[in-house]
Structure formats: C-alpha cells, structure tokens
Amino acid sequence: MNTTQYSESWNGVTKFIHWTFVLIILTMAIVGLTMEDIESPGTKIAVIAFHKSLGITALALAAFRLVWRLISKDPPKIPSIPTWQHLIAKITHALIYVFLFIMPISGWVMNSAKGYPLQWFKLFNIPAITAKNPHLADVAHEIHESAFWVLTALIVMHVGAAFYHHIFQRDATLKRMLP
C-alpha cells in the first residue's frame, strides 16, 4: 500500500500524550529497576521520590488521556489492515490503558500502606490512599511489580506491531503517530 494513502495523522494532543508517556515510562522503568541498588541513602530517597512523582504524573496523564480519547476524533482506519488486526490493536490499547492506571495506583497504595509521605516534585503533598498496613503494602508491591512486566510485554507488542506495519505492510500506522 502507498504510505501516503489513508495517512491522516492522530491529532497533536494525542501525539503529545503518547510521546510524553514514552518518556515517562522509559524513565520510570529505568529508575524503578535500579533505585533499590543505590547505596547513598540521601540519593536513594531523592530517586525514589522522583519515581513517585513521575508515577503521580503518569496517573494524571492517563486520566487526561482517557477523557481525551472519549472526546477526540480518531483518524480513519487504514482499510488494508484486516479486521482481526484492528481488534487486537483495540484490545492491546485497552489493556495498556488499564495498566497505565494499575501501575501508579498500586504504587500509591503501596506507599500509603507503608506509611510514607507522598509529594509531587516537592511542590505539594498527595494524601494517603489507605491507612498504614504492612500486609496491604506487600500485596500492592506484588501487583505493582507484576503489572510492570505485563505492561512491558504489552508495550513490546505495541511497538512490534507498529514496526511490522511500517516495515512489512508499508502502511501509515507508525507515521500517523510520529511527531
């Protein structure tokens, strides 16, 4: 298929949210996977606080993205893409959204259940979502960690599909989301 056909792009707000999420998720993944290995207590606390602030940002952005998704118009479907691929894409996107909420909410629950304070980039406090509860903190930690790996798998599928469409199908799937 000619990549110039059916290449109406996603709107600018959607693209901005998408690529902002890419940066936030990559940063949070790197920080989340390495923060426990930091030896300096002061640095570790600062890095963990940064991770938490990004998590709250991701939660707010996910909520905004969901609202934006409901009120904004999608570009037309690319007709050469089979219906079953559109269905898989819809399911994958829905699951990504679900996990974009599960990750920060489980982190917030874990933080609250451990009795730790939560600030957003040292600008203001975020209230606890639950009372201190060590058992709940452990459960929330397990959910947070498991959700990370599920979200990672979904993102790998998402990126793989975009490149598949770009390289092998030669359609405009990827180009429509590029800045």
N, C-alpha and C. Protein backbone atom coordinates (compact mmCIF):
# COMPACT_ATOMS: atom_id res chain seq x y z
N MET A 1 0.83 -1.18 0.00
CA MET A 1 0.00 0.00 0.00
C MET A 1 0.87 1.24 0.00
N ASN A 2 0.46 2.25 -0.67
CA ASN A 2 1.15 3.52 -0.69
C ASN A 2 0.99 4.17 0.68
N THR A 3 2.10 4.56 1.30
CA THR A 3 2.03 5.10 2.66
C THR A 3 1.41 6.49 2.71
N THR A 4 1.24 7.14 1.60
CA THR A 4 0.61 8.45 1.63
C THR A 4 -0.91 8.33 1.66
N GLN A 5 -1.45 7.19 1.26
CA GLN A 5 -2.89 6.99 1.33
C GLN A 5 -3.30 6.71 2.77
N TYR A 6 -4.46 7.21 3.16
CA TYR A 6 -5.01 6.95 4.48
C TYR A 6 -4.01 7.30 5.58
N SER A 7 -3.29 8.37 5.37
CA SER A 7 -2.24 8.72 6.32
C SER A 7 -2.64 9.87 7.24
N GLU A 8 -3.94 10.18 7.31
CA GLU A 8 -4.35 11.23 8.24
C GLU A 8 -3.82 10.88 9.62
N SER A 9 -3.12 11.82 10.22
CA SER A 9 -2.44 11.58 11.49
C SER A 9 -3.38 11.70 12.68
N TRP A 10 -2.88 11.19 13.79
CA TRP A 10 -3.53 11.45 15.07
C TRP A 10 -3.36 12.93 15.36
N ASN A 11 -4.24 13.50 16.15
CA ASN A 11 -4.16 14.93 16.45
C ASN A 11 -2.95 15.22 17.34
N GLY A 12 -2.58 16.49 17.40
CA GLY A 12 -1.39 16.90 18.13
C GLY A 12 -1.43 16.59 19.61
N VAL A 13 -2.59 16.73 20.25
CA VAL A 13 -2.70 16.44 21.68
C VAL A 13 -2.46 14.96 21.92
N THR A 14 -3.05 14.11 21.10
CA THR A 14 -2.87 12.66 21.24
C THR A 14 -1.40 12.29 21.06
N LYS A 15 -0.76 12.86 20.05
CA LYS A 15 0.67 12.59 19.82
C LYS A 15 1.51 13.05 21.01
N PHE A 16 1.20 14.24 21.52
CA PHE A 16 1.95 14.76 22.66
C PHE A 16 1.82 13.83 23.87
N ILE A 17 0.60 13.40 24.16
CA ILE A 17 0.38 12.49 25.29
C ILE A 17 1.13 11.18 25.06
N HIS A 18 1.02 10.64 23.85
CA HIS A 18 1.68 9.37 23.52
C HIS A 18 3.18 9.44 23.77
N TRP A 19 3.83 10.47 23.20
CA TRP A 19 5.29 10.55 23.31
C TRP A 19 5.73 10.98 24.70
N THR A 20 4.90 11.71 25.41
CA THR A 20 5.20 12.03 26.81
C THR A 20 5.17 10.75 27.64
N PHE A 21 4.18 9.89 27.36
CA PHE A 21 4.13 8.60 28.06
C PHE A 21 5.36 7.76 27.75
N VAL A 22 5.81 7.79 26.52
CA VAL A 22 7.02 7.04 26.16
C VAL A 22 8.18 7.48 27.06
N LEU A 23 8.37 8.79 27.18
CA LEU A 23 9.46 9.31 28.02
C LEU A 23 9.26 8.97 29.50
N ILE A 24 8.04 9.15 29.98
CA ILE A 24 7.76 8.86 31.40
C ILE A 24 7.97 7.38 31.70
N ILE A 25 7.43 6.51 30.86
CA ILE A 25 7.53 5.07 31.13
C ILE A 25 8.98 4.59 31.04
N LEU A 26 9.71 5.05 30.04
CA LEU A 26 11.12 4.67 29.95
C LEU A 26 11.90 5.14 31.18
N THR A 27 11.68 6.38 31.58
CA THR A 27 12.38 6.92 32.75
C THR A 27 12.00 6.15 34.01
N MET A 28 10.69 5.93 34.18
CA MET A 28 10.25 5.21 35.37
C MET A 28 10.76 3.77 35.41
N ALA A 29 10.82 3.14 34.26
CA ALA A 29 11.32 1.76 34.21
C ALA A 29 12.79 1.71 34.61
N ILE A 30 13.57 2.62 34.05
CA ILE A 30 15.00 2.65 34.38
C ILE A 30 15.18 2.94 35.87
N VAL A 31 14.50 3.95 36.35
CA VAL A 31 14.61 4.32 37.77
C VAL A 31 14.09 3.19 38.66
N GLY A 32 12.92 2.66 38.32
CA GLY A 32 12.32 1.61 39.13
C GLY A 32 13.15 0.35 39.22
N LEU A 33 13.83 0.01 38.12
CA LEU A 33 14.65 -1.20 38.11
C LEU A 33 16.00 -1.01 38.78
N THR A 34 16.43 0.23 38.99
CA THR A 34 17.76 0.47 39.55
C THR A 34 17.77 1.14 40.92
N MET A 35 16.64 1.71 41.36
CA MET A 35 16.65 2.52 42.57
C MET A 35 16.98 1.73 43.84
N GLU A 36 16.64 0.48 43.89
CA GLU A 36 16.93 -0.31 45.09
C GLU A 36 18.43 -0.58 45.25
N ASP A 37 19.20 -0.44 44.17
CA ASP A 37 20.63 -0.70 44.22
C ASP A 37 21.45 0.53 44.60
N ILE A 38 20.80 1.67 44.76
CA ILE A 38 21.51 2.90 45.12
C ILE A 38 21.95 2.80 46.57
N GLU A 39 23.23 3.04 46.81
CA GLU A 39 23.77 2.86 48.16
C GLU A 39 23.65 4.10 49.04
N SER A 40 23.77 5.27 48.47
CA SER A 40 23.70 6.51 49.25
C SER A 40 22.26 6.74 49.69
N PRO A 41 22.01 6.77 51.01
CA PRO A 41 20.63 6.93 51.49
C PRO A 41 19.95 8.21 50.97
N GLY A 42 20.66 9.32 50.97
CA GLY A 42 20.09 10.58 50.50
C GLY A 42 19.72 10.53 49.03
N THR A 43 20.62 9.97 48.23
CA THR A 43 20.37 9.84 46.79
C THR A 43 19.22 8.88 46.54
N LYS A 44 19.20 7.79 47.29
CA LYS A 44 18.14 6.80 47.12
C LYS A 44 16.77 7.41 47.42
N ILE A 45 16.67 8.16 48.50
CA ILE A 45 15.39 8.79 48.86
C ILE A 45 14.97 9.77 47.77
N ALA A 46 15.91 10.55 47.24
CA ALA A 46 15.59 11.52 46.18
C ALA A 46 15.14 10.82 44.90
N VAL A 47 15.80 9.73 44.55
CA VAL A 47 15.44 8.99 43.33
C VAL A 47 14.07 8.34 43.49
N ILE A 48 13.81 7.76 44.64
CA ILE A 48 12.50 7.14 44.90
C ILE A 48 11.41 8.21 44.86
N ALA A 49 11.67 9.38 45.45
CA ALA A 49 10.69 10.48 45.42
C ALA A 49 10.43 10.92 43.97
N PHE A 50 11.47 10.97 43.15
CA PHE A 50 11.32 11.31 41.74
C PHE A 50 10.45 10.27 41.03
N HIS A 51 10.71 8.99 41.31
CA HIS A 51 9.92 7.90 40.73
C HIS A 51 8.44 8.04 41.11
N LYS A 52 8.19 8.34 42.37
CA LYS A 52 6.81 8.51 42.84
C LYS A 52 6.14 9.71 42.17
N SER A 53 6.88 10.80 42.03
CA SER A 53 6.32 11.99 41.37
C SER A 53 5.99 11.70 39.91
N LEU A 54 6.85 10.97 39.25
CA LEU A 54 6.55 10.58 37.87
C LEU A 54 5.32 9.67 37.82
N GLY A 55 5.18 8.81 38.83
CA GLY A 55 4.01 7.93 38.89
C GLY A 55 2.71 8.71 39.03
N ILE A 56 2.71 9.71 39.88
CA ILE A 56 1.52 10.56 40.04
C ILE A 56 1.25 11.32 38.73
N THR A 57 2.31 11.78 38.09
CA THR A 57 2.17 12.46 36.79
C THR A 57 1.57 11.51 35.77
N ALA A 58 2.04 10.27 35.75
CA ALA A 58 1.52 9.27 34.81
C ALA A 58 0.05 9.00 35.07
N LEU A 59 -0.34 8.94 36.35
CA LEU A 59 -1.75 8.72 36.68
C LEU A 59 -2.62 9.87 36.17
N ALA A 60 -2.19 11.10 36.41
CA ALA A 60 -2.95 12.26 35.94
C ALA A 60 -3.00 12.28 34.41
N LEU A 61 -1.88 11.97 33.77
CA LEU A 61 -1.83 11.95 32.31
C LEU A 61 -2.72 10.84 31.75
N ALA A 62 -2.75 9.69 32.42
CA ALA A 62 -3.62 8.59 31.97
C ALA A 62 -5.08 8.99 32.06
N ALA A 63 -5.44 9.67 33.15
CA ALA A 63 -6.82 10.14 33.30
C ALA A 63 -7.16 11.15 32.22
N PHE A 64 -6.25 12.10 31.97
CA PHE A 64 -6.49 13.08 30.90
C PHE A 64 -6.58 12.38 29.55
N ARG A 65 -5.70 11.41 29.32
CA ARG A 65 -5.70 10.69 28.03
C ARG A 65 -7.01 9.95 27.82
N LEU A 66 -7.53 9.36 28.87
CA LEU A 66 -8.79 8.63 28.76
C LEU A 66 -9.93 9.59 28.39
N VAL A 67 -9.98 10.73 29.05
CA VAL A 67 -11.00 11.73 28.73
C VAL A 67 -10.81 12.22 27.30
N TRP A 68 -9.56 12.51 26.94
CA TRP A 68 -9.27 12.99 25.59
C TRP A 68 -9.67 11.95 24.55
N ARG A 69 -9.42 10.71 24.85
CA ARG A 69 -9.77 9.61 23.93
C ARG A 69 -11.28 9.58 23.69
N LEU A 70 -12.04 9.88 24.71
CA LEU A 70 -13.50 9.85 24.59
C LEU A 70 -14.05 11.04 23.79
N ILE A 71 -13.36 12.17 23.81
CA ILE A 71 -13.89 13.36 23.15
C ILE A 71 -13.21 13.70 21.82
N SER A 72 -12.07 13.12 21.55
CA SER A 72 -11.37 13.45 20.31
C SER A 72 -11.71 12.45 19.21
N LYS A 73 -11.45 12.86 17.99
CA LYS A 73 -11.75 12.03 16.83
C LYS A 73 -10.52 11.25 16.41
N ASP A 74 -10.70 9.95 16.18
CA ASP A 74 -9.62 9.12 15.66
C ASP A 74 -9.47 9.36 14.17
N PRO A 75 -8.24 9.19 13.65
CA PRO A 75 -8.11 9.22 12.19
C PRO A 75 -8.82 8.00 11.60
N PRO A 76 -9.17 8.05 10.34
CA PRO A 76 -9.87 6.90 9.76
C PRO A 76 -8.99 5.65 9.79
N LYS A 77 -9.65 4.50 9.87
CA LYS A 77 -8.92 3.23 9.84
C LYS A 77 -8.24 3.08 8.48
N ILE A 78 -7.11 2.40 8.50
CA ILE A 78 -6.42 2.10 7.26
C ILE A 78 -7.09 0.86 6.68
N PRO A 79 -7.75 0.97 5.53
CA PRO A 79 -8.58 -0.12 5.02
C PRO A 79 -7.83 -1.42 4.70
N SER A 80 -6.53 -1.32 4.46
CA SER A 80 -5.79 -2.55 4.13
C SER A 80 -5.51 -3.41 5.35
N ILE A 81 -5.74 -2.88 6.53
CA ILE A 81 -5.49 -3.65 7.76
C ILE A 81 -6.72 -4.51 8.04
N PRO A 82 -6.51 -5.83 8.17
CA PRO A 82 -7.64 -6.73 8.42
C PRO A 82 -8.35 -6.43 9.73
N THR A 83 -9.62 -6.75 9.78
CA THR A 83 -10.46 -6.50 10.95
C THR A 83 -9.88 -7.16 12.20
N TRP A 84 -9.35 -8.37 12.07
CA TRP A 84 -8.80 -9.05 13.24
C TRP A 84 -7.61 -8.28 13.82
N GLN A 85 -6.82 -7.61 12.97
CA GLN A 85 -5.69 -6.81 13.47
C GLN A 85 -6.20 -5.55 14.18
N HIS A 86 -7.25 -4.95 13.64
CA HIS A 86 -7.86 -3.80 14.33
C HIS A 86 -8.37 -4.22 15.71
N LEU A 87 -8.97 -5.41 15.79
CA LEU A 87 -9.49 -5.91 17.06
C LEU A 87 -8.36 -6.14 18.07
N ILE A 88 -7.29 -6.76 17.62
CA ILE A 88 -6.13 -7.00 18.50
C ILE A 88 -5.55 -5.67 18.97
N ALA A 89 -5.48 -4.70 18.06
CA ALA A 89 -4.96 -3.38 18.43
C ALA A 89 -5.85 -2.73 19.49
N LYS A 90 -7.17 -2.82 19.31
CA LYS A 90 -8.10 -2.24 20.28
C LYS A 90 -7.94 -2.90 21.66
N ILE A 91 -7.84 -4.22 21.67
CA ILE A 91 -7.67 -4.94 22.93
C ILE A 91 -6.34 -4.57 23.59
N THR A 92 -5.28 -4.53 22.80
CA THR A 92 -3.96 -4.19 23.33
C THR A 92 -3.96 -2.77 23.90
N HIS A 93 -4.54 -1.83 23.15
CA HIS A 93 -4.61 -0.45 23.64
C HIS A 93 -5.43 -0.37 24.94
N ALA A 94 -6.54 -1.08 24.99
CA ALA A 94 -7.37 -1.07 26.20
C ALA A 94 -6.57 -1.62 27.39
N LEU A 95 -5.85 -2.70 27.18
CA LEU A 95 -5.05 -3.27 28.26
C LEU A 95 -3.92 -2.33 28.69
N ILE A 96 -3.31 -1.65 27.73
CA ILE A 96 -2.28 -0.66 28.08
C ILE A 96 -2.88 0.41 28.97
N TYR A 97 -4.06 0.91 28.61
CA TYR A 97 -4.73 1.91 29.45
C TYR A 97 -4.98 1.36 30.85
N VAL A 98 -5.48 0.14 30.95
CA VAL A 98 -5.75 -0.46 32.25
C VAL A 98 -4.47 -0.48 33.09
N PHE A 99 -3.37 -0.89 32.49
CA PHE A 99 -2.13 -0.99 33.25
C PHE A 99 -1.49 0.37 33.51
N LEU A 100 -1.82 1.37 32.68
CA LEU A 100 -1.35 2.73 32.97
C LEU A 100 -2.06 3.30 34.21
N PHE A 101 -3.17 2.69 34.60
CA PHE A 101 -3.83 3.05 35.85
C PHE A 101 -3.38 2.14 36.99
N ILE A 102 -3.26 0.84 36.72
CA ILE A 102 -2.86 -0.11 37.77
C ILE A 102 -1.49 0.24 38.34
N MET A 103 -0.54 0.58 37.47
CA MET A 103 0.82 0.86 37.94
C MET A 103 0.86 1.99 38.97
N PRO A 104 0.41 3.19 38.63
CA PRO A 104 0.53 4.27 39.63
C PRO A 104 -0.40 4.09 40.84
N ILE A 105 -1.56 3.52 40.63
CA ILE A 105 -2.47 3.33 41.78
C ILE A 105 -1.89 2.30 42.74
N SER A 106 -1.34 1.21 42.23
CA SER A 106 -0.72 0.22 43.13
C SER A 106 0.50 0.80 43.83
N GLY A 107 1.25 1.67 43.12
CA GLY A 107 2.38 2.35 43.77
C GLY A 107 1.92 3.28 44.87
N TRP A 108 0.84 4.00 44.60
CA TRP A 108 0.28 4.92 45.60
C TRP A 108 -0.24 4.15 46.82
N VAL A 109 -0.93 3.04 46.57
CA VAL A 109 -1.41 2.19 47.67
C VAL A 109 -0.22 1.65 48.46
N MET A 110 0.80 1.16 47.78
CA MET A 110 1.97 0.62 48.45
C MET A 110 2.63 1.69 49.32
N ASN A 111 2.81 2.87 48.76
CA ASN A 111 3.43 3.98 49.51
C ASN A 111 2.60 4.33 50.74
N SER A 112 1.28 4.46 50.55
CA SER A 112 0.38 4.81 51.66
C SER A 112 0.37 3.72 52.72
N ALA A 113 0.30 2.46 52.29
CA ALA A 113 0.23 1.34 53.23
C ALA A 113 1.53 1.18 54.01
N LYS A 114 2.63 1.68 53.46
CA LYS A 114 3.90 1.67 54.20
C LYS A 114 3.99 2.85 55.16
N GLY A 115 3.06 3.79 55.02
CA GLY A 115 3.04 4.95 55.90
C GLY A 115 4.00 6.05 55.47
N TYR A 116 4.44 6.02 54.23
CA TYR A 116 5.38 7.03 53.73
C TYR A 116 4.63 8.26 53.22
N PRO A 117 5.24 9.43 53.36
CA PRO A 117 4.63 10.62 52.78
C PRO A 117 4.79 10.59 51.26
N LEU A 118 3.91 11.30 50.58
CA LEU A 118 3.97 11.36 49.12
C LEU A 118 3.86 12.81 48.70
N GLN A 119 4.86 13.28 47.98
CA GLN A 119 4.86 14.64 47.46
C GLN A 119 5.01 14.58 45.95
N TRP A 120 4.47 15.59 45.30
CA TRP A 120 4.63 15.69 43.85
C TRP A 120 5.72 16.72 43.59
N PHE A 121 6.89 16.23 43.21
CA PHE A 121 8.07 17.05 42.91
C PHE A 121 8.31 18.13 43.97
N LYS A 122 8.09 17.78 45.24
CA LYS A 122 8.30 18.67 46.40
C LYS A 122 7.43 19.93 46.35
N LEU A 123 6.40 19.92 45.52
CA LEU A 123 5.54 21.10 45.39
C LEU A 123 4.33 21.04 46.31
N PHE A 124 3.75 19.84 46.45
CA PHE A 124 2.61 19.68 47.36
C PHE A 124 2.47 18.22 47.73
N ASN A 125 1.79 18.01 48.86
CA ASN A 125 1.58 16.66 49.38
C ASN A 125 0.38 16.02 48.70
N ILE A 126 0.47 14.72 48.50
CA ILE A 126 -0.62 13.91 47.98
C ILE A 126 -1.14 13.10 49.18
N PRO A 127 -2.44 13.13 49.43
CA PRO A 127 -2.94 12.38 50.59
C PRO A 127 -2.78 10.86 50.42
N ALA A 128 -2.68 10.20 51.54
CA ALA A 128 -2.61 8.73 51.53
C ALA A 128 -3.92 8.18 50.98
N ILE A 129 -3.81 7.09 50.25
CA ILE A 129 -4.99 6.46 49.67
C ILE A 129 -5.53 5.36 50.58
N THR A 130 -4.73 4.97 51.57
CA THR A 130 -5.12 3.95 52.54
C THR A 130 -4.33 4.16 53.83
N ALA A 131 -4.78 3.54 54.89
CA ALA A 131 -4.06 3.61 56.16
C ALA A 131 -2.83 2.71 56.11
N LYS A 132 -1.94 2.92 57.05
CA LYS A 132 -0.75 2.08 57.14
C LYS A 132 -1.17 0.63 57.37
N ASN A 133 -0.60 -0.27 56.54
CA ASN A 133 -0.99 -1.68 56.60
C ASN A 133 0.12 -2.49 55.90
N PRO A 134 1.03 -3.09 56.67
CA PRO A 134 2.16 -3.80 56.07
C PRO A 134 1.74 -4.91 55.09
N HIS A 135 0.69 -5.64 55.41
CA HIS A 135 0.24 -6.71 54.51
C HIS A 135 -0.24 -6.13 53.18
N LEU A 136 -1.04 -5.08 53.24
CA LEU A 136 -1.52 -4.42 52.03
C LEU A 136 -0.35 -3.85 51.23
N ALA A 137 0.66 -3.32 51.93
CA ALA A 137 1.85 -2.80 51.24
C ALA A 137 2.53 -3.91 50.44
N ASP A 138 2.64 -5.10 51.03
CA ASP A 138 3.26 -6.24 50.33
C ASP A 138 2.44 -6.65 49.11
N VAL A 139 1.12 -6.71 49.27
CA VAL A 139 0.24 -7.08 48.14
C VAL A 139 0.35 -6.04 47.03
N ALA A 140 0.31 -4.75 47.41
CA ALA A 140 0.41 -3.68 46.42
C ALA A 140 1.76 -3.73 45.70
N HIS A 141 2.82 -4.07 46.43
CA HIS A 141 4.14 -4.19 45.82
C HIS A 141 4.15 -5.30 44.77
N GLU A 142 3.56 -6.44 45.12
CA GLU A 142 3.49 -7.56 44.17
C GLU A 142 2.69 -7.17 42.92
N ILE A 143 1.57 -6.49 43.13
CA ILE A 143 0.75 -6.04 41.99
C ILE A 143 1.54 -5.05 41.14
N HIS A 144 2.21 -4.11 41.79
CA HIS A 144 2.99 -3.09 41.09
C HIS A 144 4.08 -3.74 40.23
N GLU A 145 4.79 -4.68 40.82
CA GLU A 145 5.88 -5.35 40.11
C GLU A 145 5.35 -6.22 38.97
N SER A 146 4.32 -6.99 39.23
CA SER A 146 3.73 -7.85 38.18
C SER A 146 3.14 -7.00 37.06
N ALA A 147 2.46 -5.92 37.43
CA ALA A 147 1.85 -5.04 36.42
C ALA A 147 2.92 -4.42 35.53
N PHE A 148 4.09 -4.13 36.11
CA PHE A 148 5.18 -3.58 35.29
C PHE A 148 5.56 -4.54 34.17
N TRP A 149 5.69 -5.83 34.50
CA TRP A 149 6.10 -6.79 33.48
C TRP A 149 5.00 -7.03 32.45
N VAL A 150 3.75 -7.00 32.88
CA VAL A 150 2.64 -7.13 31.92
C VAL A 150 2.61 -5.91 31.00
N LEU A 151 2.74 -4.72 31.59
CA LEU A 151 2.76 -3.50 30.78
C LEU A 151 3.94 -3.51 29.82
N THR A 152 5.08 -3.98 30.27
CA THR A 152 6.25 -4.07 29.39
C THR A 152 5.96 -4.98 28.20
N ALA A 153 5.34 -6.13 28.45
CA ALA A 153 5.00 -7.06 27.36
C ALA A 153 4.02 -6.42 26.39
N LEU A 154 3.02 -5.71 26.92
CA LEU A 154 2.04 -5.04 26.05
C LEU A 154 2.71 -3.97 25.20
N ILE A 155 3.63 -3.22 25.79
CA ILE A 155 4.33 -2.18 25.05
C ILE A 155 5.22 -2.79 23.97
N VAL A 156 5.88 -3.89 24.28
CA VAL A 156 6.71 -4.57 23.28
C VAL A 156 5.83 -5.03 22.11
N MET A 157 4.65 -5.56 22.41
CA MET A 157 3.71 -5.95 21.35
C MET A 157 3.29 -4.73 20.53
N HIS A 158 2.98 -3.65 21.20
CA HIS A 158 2.54 -2.41 20.55
C HIS A 158 3.62 -1.87 19.61
N VAL A 159 4.84 -1.78 20.11
CA VAL A 159 5.96 -1.28 19.30
C VAL A 159 6.25 -2.25 18.16
N GLY A 160 6.23 -3.55 18.46
CA GLY A 160 6.46 -4.55 17.41
C GLY A 160 5.44 -4.46 16.30
N ALA A 161 4.18 -4.26 16.66
CA ALA A 161 3.12 -4.13 15.65
C ALA A 161 3.33 -2.88 14.81
N ALA A 162 3.72 -1.78 15.46
CA ALA A 162 3.96 -0.53 14.71
C ALA A 162 5.07 -0.73 13.68
N PHE A 163 6.16 -1.37 14.10
CA PHE A 163 7.26 -1.61 13.16
C PHE A 163 6.89 -2.63 12.09
N TYR A 164 6.11 -3.63 12.45
CA TYR A 164 5.63 -4.61 11.47
C TYR A 164 4.85 -3.89 10.37
N HIS A 165 3.94 -3.02 10.79
CA HIS A 165 3.15 -2.29 9.80
C HIS A 165 4.02 -1.36 8.97
N HIS A 166 5.01 -0.75 9.58
CA HIS A 166 5.87 0.19 8.86
C HIS A 166 6.82 -0.51 7.89
N ILE A 167 7.44 -1.59 8.36
CA ILE A 167 8.47 -2.25 7.56
C ILE A 167 7.89 -3.26 6.58
N PHE A 168 6.96 -4.09 7.03
CA PHE A 168 6.48 -5.18 6.18
C PHE A 168 5.18 -4.83 5.44
N GLN A 169 4.26 -4.19 6.12
CA GLN A 169 3.00 -3.85 5.47
C GLN A 169 3.09 -2.53 4.69
N ARG A 170 4.07 -1.73 5.05
CA ARG A 170 4.30 -0.43 4.41
C ARG A 170 3.05 0.45 4.41
N ASP A 171 2.34 0.40 5.53
CA ASP A 171 1.19 1.29 5.66
C ASP A 171 1.57 2.45 6.58
N ALA A 172 0.63 3.32 6.84
CA ALA A 172 0.92 4.56 7.57
C ALA A 172 0.69 4.46 9.08
N THR A 173 0.55 3.26 9.60
CA THR A 173 0.26 3.09 11.04
C THR A 173 1.24 3.85 11.91
N LEU A 174 2.51 3.66 11.70
CA LEU A 174 3.54 4.32 12.52
C LEU A 174 3.62 5.81 12.19
N LYS A 175 3.61 6.14 10.92
CA LYS A 175 3.75 7.55 10.52
C LYS A 175 2.67 8.43 11.10
N ARG A 176 1.48 7.87 11.31
CA ARG A 176 0.37 8.68 11.82
C ARG A 176 0.56 9.12 13.26
N MET A 177 1.47 8.44 13.99
CA MET A 177 1.71 8.81 15.38
C MET A 177 3.04 9.55 15.56
N LEU A 178 3.82 9.65 14.54
CA LEU A 178 5.10 10.35 14.67
C LEU A 178 4.88 11.85 14.83
N PRO A 179 5.74 12.50 15.63
CA PRO A 179 5.59 13.96 15.82
C PRO A 179 5.73 14.71 14.49
